Amino acid sequence: PNVNLASFNLLGSHDTPRFLTLCGNDKEKLKLAWLFQMTSIGVPSIYYGDEIGLTGGKDPDCRRCFVWDKSKQDGKLLRYIEKLISIRKKYPVISQGNVYKFDTPSDDCIVLYKKYRGNYAIIFINRGDDEIFCKIDLPKTNFLDAITGQKILFERSNNRIKIHSKSGKILISERL
């Protein structure tokens, strides 16, 4: 069996400053880190409170009480991580797929190509301040942008896709 599928992947814990704090309170950086975490091999773990934007420095500040008042929670962050979790659960290629190609079209962008039982996923993460166009060399394939729900058809090889600054995409192959 592939023991890596059971690897415990976490960004924050009770022993470290809150990840949002380590990101300088930049929520876009946190979202990109979650995108990488949720599309990587292993078992992702979210430390309580991170999903609602809880901050905190070194121990014991990182162990603050959970904020139960919804008006003080970051609902957008919560909905984003819930979306990523639902994508991971819905598409086995995300949670169980092997990375068969890794590309770095720029210093600020990575592209992961995953495959599982004839299904493909392409994950784009652009941490840069500028949008980037990534070349995708695939045969004619339909993809679903799992985050937005938009369908994308690549009709020939050497296709390009735009990835906005400080954002990412999860493309899931659809059978033609």
N, C-alpha and C. Protein backbone atom coordinates (compact mmCIF):
# COMPACT_ATOMS: atom_id res chain seq x y z
N PRO A 1 0.82 -1.21 0.00
CA PRO A 1 0.00 0.00 0.00
C PRO A 1 0.86 1.26 0.00
N ASN A 2 0.28 2.32 -0.52
CA ASN A 2 0.99 3.60 -0.56
C ASN A 2 0.82 4.31 0.77
N VAL A 3 1.83 4.24 1.62
CA VAL A 3 1.75 4.84 2.95
C VAL A 3 1.67 6.36 2.89
N ASN A 4 2.11 6.96 1.79
CA ASN A 4 2.04 8.42 1.66
C ASN A 4 0.60 8.93 1.69
N LEU A 5 -0.35 8.08 1.28
CA LEU A 5 -1.76 8.49 1.31
C LEU A 5 -2.23 8.77 2.73
N ALA A 6 -1.53 8.23 3.71
CA ALA A 6 -1.90 8.43 5.12
C ALA A 6 -1.03 9.47 5.83
N SER A 7 -0.14 10.14 5.10
CA SER A 7 0.71 11.17 5.71
C SER A 7 -0.16 12.29 6.27
N PHE A 8 0.19 12.74 7.46
CA PHE A 8 -0.55 13.79 8.15
C PHE A 8 0.01 15.13 7.69
N ASN A 9 -0.78 15.90 6.92
CA ASN A 9 -0.33 17.18 6.38
C ASN A 9 -1.01 18.33 7.10
N LEU A 10 -0.22 19.16 7.75
CA LEU A 10 -0.80 20.29 8.44
C LEU A 10 0.03 21.54 8.21
N LEU A 11 -0.64 22.68 8.28
CA LEU A 11 0.03 23.96 8.17
C LEU A 11 0.20 24.61 9.53
N GLY A 12 -0.69 24.30 10.46
CA GLY A 12 -0.62 24.88 11.78
C GLY A 12 -0.97 23.84 12.83
N SER A 13 -0.52 24.10 14.06
CA SER A 13 -0.84 23.20 15.16
C SER A 13 -0.75 23.99 16.46
N HIS A 14 -1.00 23.30 17.56
CA HIS A 14 -0.92 23.93 18.88
C HIS A 14 0.51 24.29 19.27
N ASP A 15 1.50 23.86 18.51
CA ASP A 15 2.90 24.12 18.83
C ASP A 15 3.53 25.22 17.98
N THR A 16 2.75 25.80 17.08
CA THR A 16 3.31 26.80 16.16
C THR A 16 2.42 28.04 16.13
N PRO A 17 2.97 29.18 15.73
CA PRO A 17 2.10 30.34 15.52
C PRO A 17 1.03 29.99 14.46
N ARG A 18 -0.10 30.64 14.55
CA ARG A 18 -1.17 30.42 13.58
C ARG A 18 -0.63 30.70 12.18
N PHE A 19 -1.08 29.87 11.22
CA PHE A 19 -0.55 30.01 9.87
C PHE A 19 -0.91 31.36 9.26
N LEU A 20 -2.11 31.87 9.54
CA LEU A 20 -2.48 33.19 9.03
C LEU A 20 -1.53 34.25 9.58
N THR A 21 -1.12 34.13 10.83
CA THR A 21 -0.15 35.05 11.42
C THR A 21 1.19 34.93 10.70
N LEU A 22 1.62 33.70 10.42
CA LEU A 22 2.88 33.50 9.68
C LEU A 22 2.81 34.08 8.27
N CYS A 23 1.60 34.16 7.72
CA CYS A 23 1.39 34.75 6.39
C CYS A 23 1.27 36.27 6.45
N GLY A 24 1.55 36.86 7.61
CA GLY A 24 1.43 38.30 7.75
C GLY A 24 -0.02 38.77 7.65
N ASN A 25 -0.94 37.89 8.07
CA ASN A 25 -2.39 38.14 8.00
C ASN A 25 -2.90 38.32 6.57
N ASP A 26 -2.14 37.84 5.59
CA ASP A 26 -2.55 37.88 4.18
C ASP A 26 -3.40 36.64 3.89
N LYS A 27 -4.69 36.82 3.80
CA LYS A 27 -5.62 35.70 3.62
C LYS A 27 -5.47 35.03 2.26
N GLU A 28 -5.01 35.77 1.27
CA GLU A 28 -4.79 35.16 -0.05
C GLU A 28 -3.64 34.14 0.01
N LYS A 29 -2.60 34.45 0.79
CA LYS A 29 -1.51 33.49 0.97
C LYS A 29 -2.01 32.24 1.68
N LEU A 30 -2.85 32.42 2.69
CA LEU A 30 -3.43 31.27 3.41
C LEU A 30 -4.25 30.42 2.45
N LYS A 31 -5.04 31.04 1.61
CA LYS A 31 -5.88 30.30 0.66
C LYS A 31 -5.03 29.50 -0.33
N LEU A 32 -3.92 30.08 -0.78
CA LEU A 32 -3.03 29.35 -1.70
C LEU A 32 -2.38 28.17 -0.99
N ALA A 33 -1.99 28.37 0.27
CA ALA A 33 -1.40 27.26 1.03
C ALA A 33 -2.44 26.14 1.21
N TRP A 34 -3.68 26.50 1.51
CA TRP A 34 -4.75 25.50 1.62
C TRP A 34 -4.96 24.78 0.30
N LEU A 35 -4.91 25.52 -0.81
CA LEU A 35 -5.08 24.90 -2.12
C LEU A 35 -4.01 23.84 -2.34
N PHE A 36 -2.76 24.17 -1.99
CA PHE A 36 -1.69 23.19 -2.12
C PHE A 36 -1.91 22.01 -1.18
N GLN A 37 -2.24 22.30 0.07
CA GLN A 37 -2.45 21.26 1.07
C GLN A 37 -3.59 20.31 0.66
N MET A 38 -4.70 20.85 0.20
CA MET A 38 -5.87 20.03 -0.12
C MET A 38 -5.72 19.24 -1.41
N THR A 39 -4.75 19.60 -2.24
CA THR A 39 -4.55 18.87 -3.50
C THR A 39 -3.30 18.00 -3.45
N SER A 40 -2.63 17.97 -2.31
CA SER A 40 -1.43 17.15 -2.16
C SER A 40 -1.78 15.77 -1.62
N ILE A 41 -0.85 14.86 -1.79
CA ILE A 41 -1.03 13.51 -1.26
C ILE A 41 -1.02 13.57 0.27
N GLY A 42 -1.74 12.67 0.89
CA GLY A 42 -1.79 12.63 2.34
C GLY A 42 -3.12 13.10 2.88
N VAL A 43 -3.17 13.22 4.20
CA VAL A 43 -4.40 13.59 4.90
C VAL A 43 -4.25 15.01 5.44
N PRO A 44 -4.95 15.98 4.85
CA PRO A 44 -4.83 17.35 5.33
C PRO A 44 -5.54 17.53 6.67
N SER A 45 -4.95 18.37 7.50
CA SER A 45 -5.53 18.67 8.80
C SER A 45 -5.55 20.19 8.98
N ILE A 46 -6.72 20.69 9.37
CA ILE A 46 -6.87 22.12 9.62
C ILE A 46 -6.96 22.30 11.14
N TYR A 47 -6.07 23.11 11.69
CA TYR A 47 -6.07 23.39 13.13
C TYR A 47 -7.28 24.26 13.47
N TYR A 48 -8.01 23.90 14.51
CA TYR A 48 -9.25 24.58 14.86
C TYR A 48 -9.05 26.10 14.84
N GLY A 49 -9.98 26.79 14.27
CA GLY A 49 -9.96 28.24 14.22
C GLY A 49 -9.32 28.81 12.96
N ASP A 50 -8.42 28.05 12.33
CA ASP A 50 -7.80 28.54 11.09
C ASP A 50 -8.86 28.78 10.02
N GLU A 51 -9.88 27.96 10.00
CA GLU A 51 -10.92 28.05 8.97
C GLU A 51 -11.77 29.32 9.08
N ILE A 52 -11.70 30.00 10.21
CA ILE A 52 -12.48 31.24 10.39
C ILE A 52 -11.58 32.46 10.55
N GLY A 53 -10.27 32.28 10.34
CA GLY A 53 -9.34 33.40 10.36
C GLY A 53 -8.75 33.74 11.72
N LEU A 54 -8.71 32.77 12.62
CA LEU A 54 -8.12 33.00 13.94
C LEU A 54 -6.61 33.23 13.78
N THR A 55 -6.10 34.23 14.48
CA THR A 55 -4.67 34.54 14.45
C THR A 55 -4.06 34.24 15.81
N GLY A 56 -2.75 34.27 15.88
CA GLY A 56 -2.06 34.05 17.15
C GLY A 56 -0.59 33.77 16.93
N GLY A 57 0.21 34.25 17.84
CA GLY A 57 1.66 34.08 17.77
C GLY A 57 2.12 32.79 18.42
N LYS A 58 3.33 32.84 18.97
CA LYS A 58 3.92 31.65 19.61
C LYS A 58 3.07 31.19 20.79
N ASP A 59 3.23 29.93 21.13
CA ASP A 59 2.54 29.31 22.25
C ASP A 59 2.75 30.17 23.50
N PRO A 60 1.71 30.51 24.22
CA PRO A 60 0.35 29.98 24.21
C PRO A 60 -0.64 30.79 23.35
N ASP A 61 -0.16 31.87 22.69
CA ASP A 61 -1.07 32.72 21.90
C ASP A 61 -1.77 31.95 20.78
N CYS A 62 -1.13 30.89 20.29
CA CYS A 62 -1.72 30.10 19.20
C CYS A 62 -2.86 29.21 19.69
N ARG A 63 -3.06 29.15 21.00
CA ARG A 63 -4.11 28.29 21.58
C ARG A 63 -5.32 29.10 22.03
N ARG A 64 -5.54 30.24 21.42
CA ARG A 64 -6.69 31.06 21.78
C ARG A 64 -7.98 30.25 21.67
N CYS A 65 -8.99 30.71 22.39
CA CYS A 65 -10.29 30.04 22.32
C CYS A 65 -10.92 30.26 20.95
N PHE A 66 -11.68 29.28 20.51
CA PHE A 66 -12.42 29.38 19.27
C PHE A 66 -13.44 30.52 19.41
N VAL A 67 -13.60 31.27 18.33
CA VAL A 67 -14.56 32.37 18.31
C VAL A 67 -15.90 31.83 17.81
N TRP A 68 -16.87 31.72 18.69
CA TRP A 68 -18.17 31.14 18.33
C TRP A 68 -19.13 32.16 17.75
N ASP A 69 -18.89 33.44 17.99
CA ASP A 69 -19.74 34.50 17.46
C ASP A 69 -19.51 34.61 15.95
N LYS A 70 -20.51 34.19 15.17
CA LYS A 70 -20.36 34.16 13.71
C LYS A 70 -20.06 35.53 13.11
N SER A 71 -20.50 36.59 13.77
CA SER A 71 -20.24 37.94 13.24
C SER A 71 -18.76 38.31 13.35
N LYS A 72 -18.00 37.54 14.14
CA LYS A 72 -16.57 37.79 14.30
C LYS A 72 -15.71 36.77 13.55
N GLN A 73 -16.38 35.86 12.84
CA GLN A 73 -15.68 34.86 12.03
C GLN A 73 -15.56 35.35 10.60
N ASP A 74 -14.54 34.89 9.89
CA ASP A 74 -14.39 35.21 8.47
C ASP A 74 -15.14 34.16 7.67
N GLY A 75 -16.38 34.46 7.30
CA GLY A 75 -17.22 33.53 6.57
C GLY A 75 -16.68 33.19 5.19
N LYS A 76 -16.01 34.14 4.54
CA LYS A 76 -15.44 33.88 3.21
C LYS A 76 -14.35 32.81 3.29
N LEU A 77 -13.49 32.92 4.29
CA LEU A 77 -12.45 31.90 4.48
C LEU A 77 -13.08 30.54 4.74
N LEU A 78 -14.07 30.51 5.61
CA LEU A 78 -14.74 29.26 5.93
C LEU A 78 -15.35 28.63 4.69
N ARG A 79 -16.04 29.41 3.88
CA ARG A 79 -16.65 28.86 2.64
C ARG A 79 -15.58 28.37 1.66
N TYR A 80 -14.44 29.07 1.60
CA TYR A 80 -13.37 28.65 0.69
C TYR A 80 -12.81 27.28 1.10
N ILE A 81 -12.49 27.11 2.37
CA ILE A 81 -11.92 25.82 2.80
C ILE A 81 -12.98 24.72 2.68
N GLU A 82 -14.23 25.03 2.94
CA GLU A 82 -15.30 24.04 2.75
C GLU A 82 -15.38 23.62 1.29
N LYS A 83 -15.21 24.57 0.37
CA LYS A 83 -15.23 24.26 -1.06
C LYS A 83 -14.07 23.33 -1.42
N LEU A 84 -12.87 23.64 -0.93
CA LEU A 84 -11.72 22.79 -1.22
C LEU A 84 -11.90 21.38 -0.66
N ILE A 85 -12.46 21.28 0.54
CA ILE A 85 -12.70 19.97 1.14
C ILE A 85 -13.71 19.19 0.31
N SER A 86 -14.77 19.85 -0.16
CA SER A 86 -15.77 19.15 -0.96
C SER A 86 -15.18 18.68 -2.29
N ILE A 87 -14.30 19.46 -2.88
CA ILE A 87 -13.63 19.06 -4.13
C ILE A 87 -12.76 17.84 -3.87
N ARG A 88 -12.01 17.86 -2.79
CA ARG A 88 -11.14 16.73 -2.44
C ARG A 88 -11.96 15.45 -2.24
N LYS A 89 -13.12 15.57 -1.60
CA LYS A 89 -13.97 14.40 -1.35
C LYS A 89 -14.65 13.91 -2.63
N LYS A 90 -15.02 14.82 -3.51
CA LYS A 90 -15.78 14.47 -4.72
C LYS A 90 -14.91 13.82 -5.79
N TYR A 91 -13.65 14.24 -5.90
CA TYR A 91 -12.79 13.79 -6.99
C TYR A 91 -11.60 12.99 -6.44
N PRO A 92 -11.65 11.66 -6.53
CA PRO A 92 -10.55 10.83 -6.02
C PRO A 92 -9.19 11.15 -6.64
N VAL A 93 -9.18 11.71 -7.85
CA VAL A 93 -7.90 12.05 -8.48
C VAL A 93 -7.16 13.10 -7.63
N ILE A 94 -7.90 13.90 -6.87
CA ILE A 94 -7.27 14.91 -6.01
C ILE A 94 -6.64 14.25 -4.79
N SER A 95 -7.39 13.39 -4.11
CA SER A 95 -6.90 12.81 -2.86
C SER A 95 -6.00 11.59 -3.06
N GLN A 96 -6.19 10.86 -4.16
CA GLN A 96 -5.44 9.62 -4.34
C GLN A 96 -4.53 9.60 -5.56
N GLY A 97 -4.64 10.62 -6.40
CA GLY A 97 -3.86 10.64 -7.62
C GLY A 97 -2.38 10.85 -7.39
N ASN A 98 -1.60 10.31 -8.30
CA ASN A 98 -0.14 10.50 -8.28
C ASN A 98 0.23 11.71 -9.11
N VAL A 99 1.16 12.49 -8.63
CA VAL A 99 1.69 13.60 -9.41
C VAL A 99 2.63 12.99 -10.44
N TYR A 100 2.27 13.10 -11.71
CA TYR A 100 3.12 12.53 -12.75
C TYR A 100 3.93 13.61 -13.49
N LYS A 101 3.60 14.86 -13.24
CA LYS A 101 4.37 15.95 -13.82
C LYS A 101 4.26 17.16 -12.91
N PHE A 102 5.38 17.85 -12.73
CA PHE A 102 5.45 19.05 -11.91
C PHE A 102 6.12 20.11 -12.75
N ASP A 103 5.49 21.26 -12.87
CA ASP A 103 6.03 22.31 -13.74
C ASP A 103 6.10 23.62 -12.96
N THR A 104 7.09 24.42 -13.28
CA THR A 104 7.22 25.76 -12.69
C THR A 104 7.37 26.76 -13.83
N PRO A 105 6.25 27.25 -14.38
CA PRO A 105 6.34 28.19 -15.50
C PRO A 105 6.95 29.53 -15.13
N SER A 106 7.02 29.84 -13.85
CA SER A 106 7.70 31.05 -13.37
C SER A 106 8.14 30.80 -11.93
N ASP A 107 8.87 31.75 -11.38
CA ASP A 107 9.30 31.62 -9.99
C ASP A 107 8.12 31.67 -9.02
N ASP A 108 7.00 32.20 -9.47
CA ASP A 108 5.84 32.38 -8.60
C ASP A 108 4.69 31.41 -8.88
N CYS A 109 4.88 30.50 -9.80
CA CYS A 109 3.77 29.63 -10.19
C CYS A 109 4.22 28.17 -10.27
N ILE A 110 3.36 27.28 -9.74
CA ILE A 110 3.61 25.85 -9.88
C ILE A 110 2.37 25.21 -10.51
N VAL A 111 2.62 24.13 -11.22
CA VAL A 111 1.54 23.37 -11.85
C VAL A 111 1.78 21.90 -11.52
N LEU A 112 0.77 21.25 -10.95
CA LEU A 112 0.82 19.83 -10.63
C LEU A 112 -0.13 19.09 -11.56
N TYR A 113 0.37 18.05 -12.20
CA TYR A 113 -0.46 17.19 -13.03
C TYR A 113 -0.65 15.88 -12.27
N LYS A 114 -1.92 15.50 -12.02
CA LYS A 114 -2.22 14.29 -11.27
C LYS A 114 -3.05 13.33 -12.12
N LYS A 115 -2.87 12.05 -11.83
CA LYS A 115 -3.58 11.01 -12.57
C LYS A 115 -4.03 9.92 -11.60
N TYR A 116 -5.27 9.45 -11.82
CA TYR A 116 -5.79 8.35 -11.00
C TYR A 116 -6.88 7.63 -11.78
N ARG A 117 -6.64 6.36 -12.07
CA ARG A 117 -7.62 5.50 -12.76
C ARG A 117 -8.22 6.16 -14.00
N GLY A 118 -7.37 6.71 -14.83
CA GLY A 118 -7.81 7.30 -16.09
C GLY A 118 -8.36 8.70 -15.98
N ASN A 119 -8.37 9.26 -14.79
CA ASN A 119 -8.83 10.64 -14.59
C ASN A 119 -7.62 11.53 -14.33
N TYR A 120 -7.75 12.77 -14.76
CA TYR A 120 -6.64 13.71 -14.65
C TYR A 120 -7.08 14.97 -13.92
N ALA A 121 -6.14 15.58 -13.23
CA ALA A 121 -6.35 16.88 -12.62
C ALA A 121 -5.10 17.71 -12.85
N ILE A 122 -5.31 19.00 -13.04
CA ILE A 122 -4.20 19.94 -13.15
C ILE A 122 -4.46 21.03 -12.12
N ILE A 123 -3.48 21.25 -11.26
CA ILE A 123 -3.60 22.25 -10.20
C ILE A 123 -2.60 23.36 -10.49
N PHE A 124 -3.09 24.58 -10.52
CA PHE A 124 -2.27 25.77 -10.76
C PHE A 124 -2.26 26.62 -9.49
N ILE A 125 -1.09 27.07 -9.10
CA ILE A 125 -0.98 27.97 -7.96
C ILE A 125 -0.04 29.11 -8.34
N ASN A 126 -0.58 30.32 -8.39
CA ASN A 126 0.20 31.51 -8.74
C ASN A 126 0.24 32.43 -7.52
N ARG A 127 1.39 32.49 -6.87
CA ARG A 127 1.53 33.35 -5.69
C ARG A 127 1.98 34.76 -6.06
N GLY A 128 2.26 35.00 -7.33
CA GLY A 128 2.81 36.27 -7.78
C GLY A 128 1.80 37.40 -7.84
N ASP A 129 2.34 38.59 -8.03
CA ASP A 129 1.50 39.80 -8.14
C ASP A 129 0.97 40.01 -9.55
N ASP A 130 1.43 39.21 -10.50
CA ASP A 130 0.99 39.35 -11.89
C ASP A 130 0.29 38.07 -12.35
N GLU A 131 -0.66 38.25 -13.27
CA GLU A 131 -1.28 37.07 -13.87
C GLU A 131 -0.24 36.37 -14.75
N ILE A 132 -0.48 35.11 -14.99
CA ILE A 132 0.45 34.33 -15.80
C ILE A 132 -0.35 33.45 -16.74
N PHE A 133 0.22 33.22 -17.92
CA PHE A 133 -0.38 32.29 -18.87
C PHE A 133 0.44 31.01 -18.84
N CYS A 134 -0.20 29.90 -18.56
CA CYS A 134 0.47 28.61 -18.49
C CYS A 134 0.12 27.80 -19.72
N LYS A 135 1.14 27.20 -20.31
CA LYS A 135 0.96 26.34 -21.47
C LYS A 135 0.61 24.93 -21.00
N ILE A 136 -0.38 24.36 -21.64
CA ILE A 136 -0.80 23.00 -21.33
C ILE A 136 -0.72 22.19 -22.61
N ASP A 137 0.11 21.18 -22.60
CA ASP A 137 0.28 20.35 -23.80
C ASP A 137 -0.48 19.04 -23.61
N LEU A 138 -1.75 19.06 -23.98
CA LEU A 138 -2.62 17.89 -23.84
C LEU A 138 -3.41 17.69 -25.12
N PRO A 139 -3.86 16.48 -25.36
CA PRO A 139 -4.76 16.28 -26.49
C PRO A 139 -6.12 16.90 -26.19
N LYS A 140 -7.03 16.88 -27.14
CA LYS A 140 -8.37 17.44 -26.95
C LYS A 140 -9.01 16.86 -25.69
N THR A 141 -9.31 17.74 -24.75
CA THR A 141 -9.83 17.32 -23.46
C THR A 141 -10.78 18.37 -22.90
N ASN A 142 -11.87 17.91 -22.31
CA ASN A 142 -12.76 18.78 -21.55
C ASN A 142 -12.30 18.79 -20.11
N PHE A 143 -12.29 19.96 -19.50
CA PHE A 143 -11.97 20.09 -18.08
C PHE A 143 -13.06 20.88 -17.39
N LEU A 144 -13.20 20.60 -16.13
CA LEU A 144 -14.09 21.36 -15.26
C LEU A 144 -13.22 22.11 -14.27
N ASP A 145 -13.41 23.43 -14.17
CA ASP A 145 -12.75 24.19 -13.11
C ASP A 145 -13.54 23.89 -11.85
N ALA A 146 -12.98 23.08 -10.98
CA ALA A 146 -13.71 22.58 -9.81
C ALA A 146 -14.06 23.68 -8.82
N ILE A 147 -13.35 24.79 -8.85
CA ILE A 147 -13.63 25.88 -7.93
C ILE A 147 -14.79 26.73 -8.44
N THR A 148 -14.78 27.07 -9.72
CA THR A 148 -15.81 27.96 -10.27
C THR A 148 -16.97 27.22 -10.93
N GLY A 149 -16.73 25.96 -11.32
CA GLY A 149 -17.75 25.20 -12.04
C GLY A 149 -17.74 25.44 -13.54
N GLN A 150 -16.82 26.27 -14.02
CA GLN A 150 -16.72 26.59 -15.45
C GLN A 150 -16.15 25.41 -16.22
N LYS A 151 -16.73 25.11 -17.40
CA LYS A 151 -16.20 24.06 -18.27
C LYS A 151 -15.21 24.69 -19.25
N ILE A 152 -14.12 23.97 -19.48
CA ILE A 152 -13.05 24.45 -20.36
C ILE A 152 -12.72 23.33 -21.34
N LEU A 153 -12.66 23.67 -22.61
CA LEU A 153 -12.29 22.69 -23.64
C LEU A 153 -10.95 23.09 -24.23
N PHE A 154 -9.99 22.19 -24.13
CA PHE A 154 -8.72 22.37 -24.80
C PHE A 154 -8.81 21.60 -26.11
N GLU A 155 -8.78 22.29 -27.23
CA GLU A 155 -9.03 21.67 -28.52
C GLU A 155 -7.78 21.19 -29.24
N ARG A 156 -6.64 21.64 -28.80
CA ARG A 156 -5.39 21.25 -29.46
C ARG A 156 -4.27 21.28 -28.45
N SER A 157 -3.11 20.81 -28.85
CA SER A 157 -1.97 20.89 -27.94
C SER A 157 -1.50 22.35 -27.88
N ASN A 158 -0.65 22.62 -26.95
CA ASN A 158 -0.10 23.96 -26.74
C ASN A 158 -1.16 24.99 -26.36
N ASN A 159 -2.15 24.58 -25.60
CA ASN A 159 -3.15 25.51 -25.10
C ASN A 159 -2.54 26.35 -23.99
N ARG A 160 -3.14 27.51 -23.79
CA ARG A 160 -2.70 28.38 -22.70
C ARG A 160 -3.90 28.72 -21.83
N ILE A 161 -3.65 28.84 -20.54
CA ILE A 161 -4.70 29.20 -19.61
C ILE A 161 -4.18 30.32 -18.72
N LYS A 162 -5.05 31.29 -18.45
CA LYS A 162 -4.65 32.44 -17.63
C LYS A 162 -4.92 32.12 -16.16
N ILE A 163 -3.90 32.36 -15.34
CA ILE A 163 -4.03 32.22 -13.89
C ILE A 163 -3.82 33.61 -13.29
N HIS A 164 -4.85 34.13 -12.65
CA HIS A 164 -4.78 35.46 -12.07
C HIS A 164 -3.75 35.51 -10.94
N SER A 165 -3.32 36.71 -10.62
CA SER A 165 -2.36 36.88 -9.53
C SER A 165 -2.95 36.38 -8.23
N LYS A 166 -2.08 35.82 -7.39
CA LYS A 166 -2.45 35.32 -6.06
C LYS A 166 -3.72 34.47 -6.10
N SER A 167 -3.73 33.51 -7.03
CA SER A 167 -4.89 32.64 -7.14
C SER A 167 -4.47 31.27 -7.65
N GLY A 168 -5.44 30.40 -7.75
CA GLY A 168 -5.17 29.06 -8.24
C GLY A 168 -6.39 28.48 -8.91
N LYS A 169 -6.18 27.36 -9.56
CA LYS A 169 -7.26 26.63 -10.24
C LYS A 169 -7.06 25.14 -10.01
N ILE A 170 -8.17 24.43 -10.00
CA ILE A 170 -8.16 22.97 -9.99
C ILE A 170 -8.98 22.53 -11.19
N LEU A 171 -8.31 21.98 -12.19
CA LEU A 171 -9.01 21.48 -13.38
C LEU A 171 -9.13 19.97 -13.29
N ILE A 172 -10.33 19.46 -13.50
CA ILE A 172 -10.63 18.04 -13.46
C ILE A 172 -11.03 17.60 -14.85
N SER A 173 -10.41 16.53 -15.38
CA SER A 173 -10.74 16.07 -16.73
C SER A 173 -12.12 15.49 -16.76
N GLU A 174 -12.80 15.70 -17.90
CA GLU A 174 -14.09 15.09 -18.16
C GLU A 174 -13.92 14.24 -19.40
N ARG A 175 -14.57 13.11 -19.40
CA ARG A 175 -14.45 12.20 -20.55
C ARG A 175 -15.17 12.79 -21.76
N LEU A 176 -14.52 12.67 -22.92
CA LEU A 176 -15.14 13.15 -24.17
C LEU A 176 -16.00 12.08 -24.79
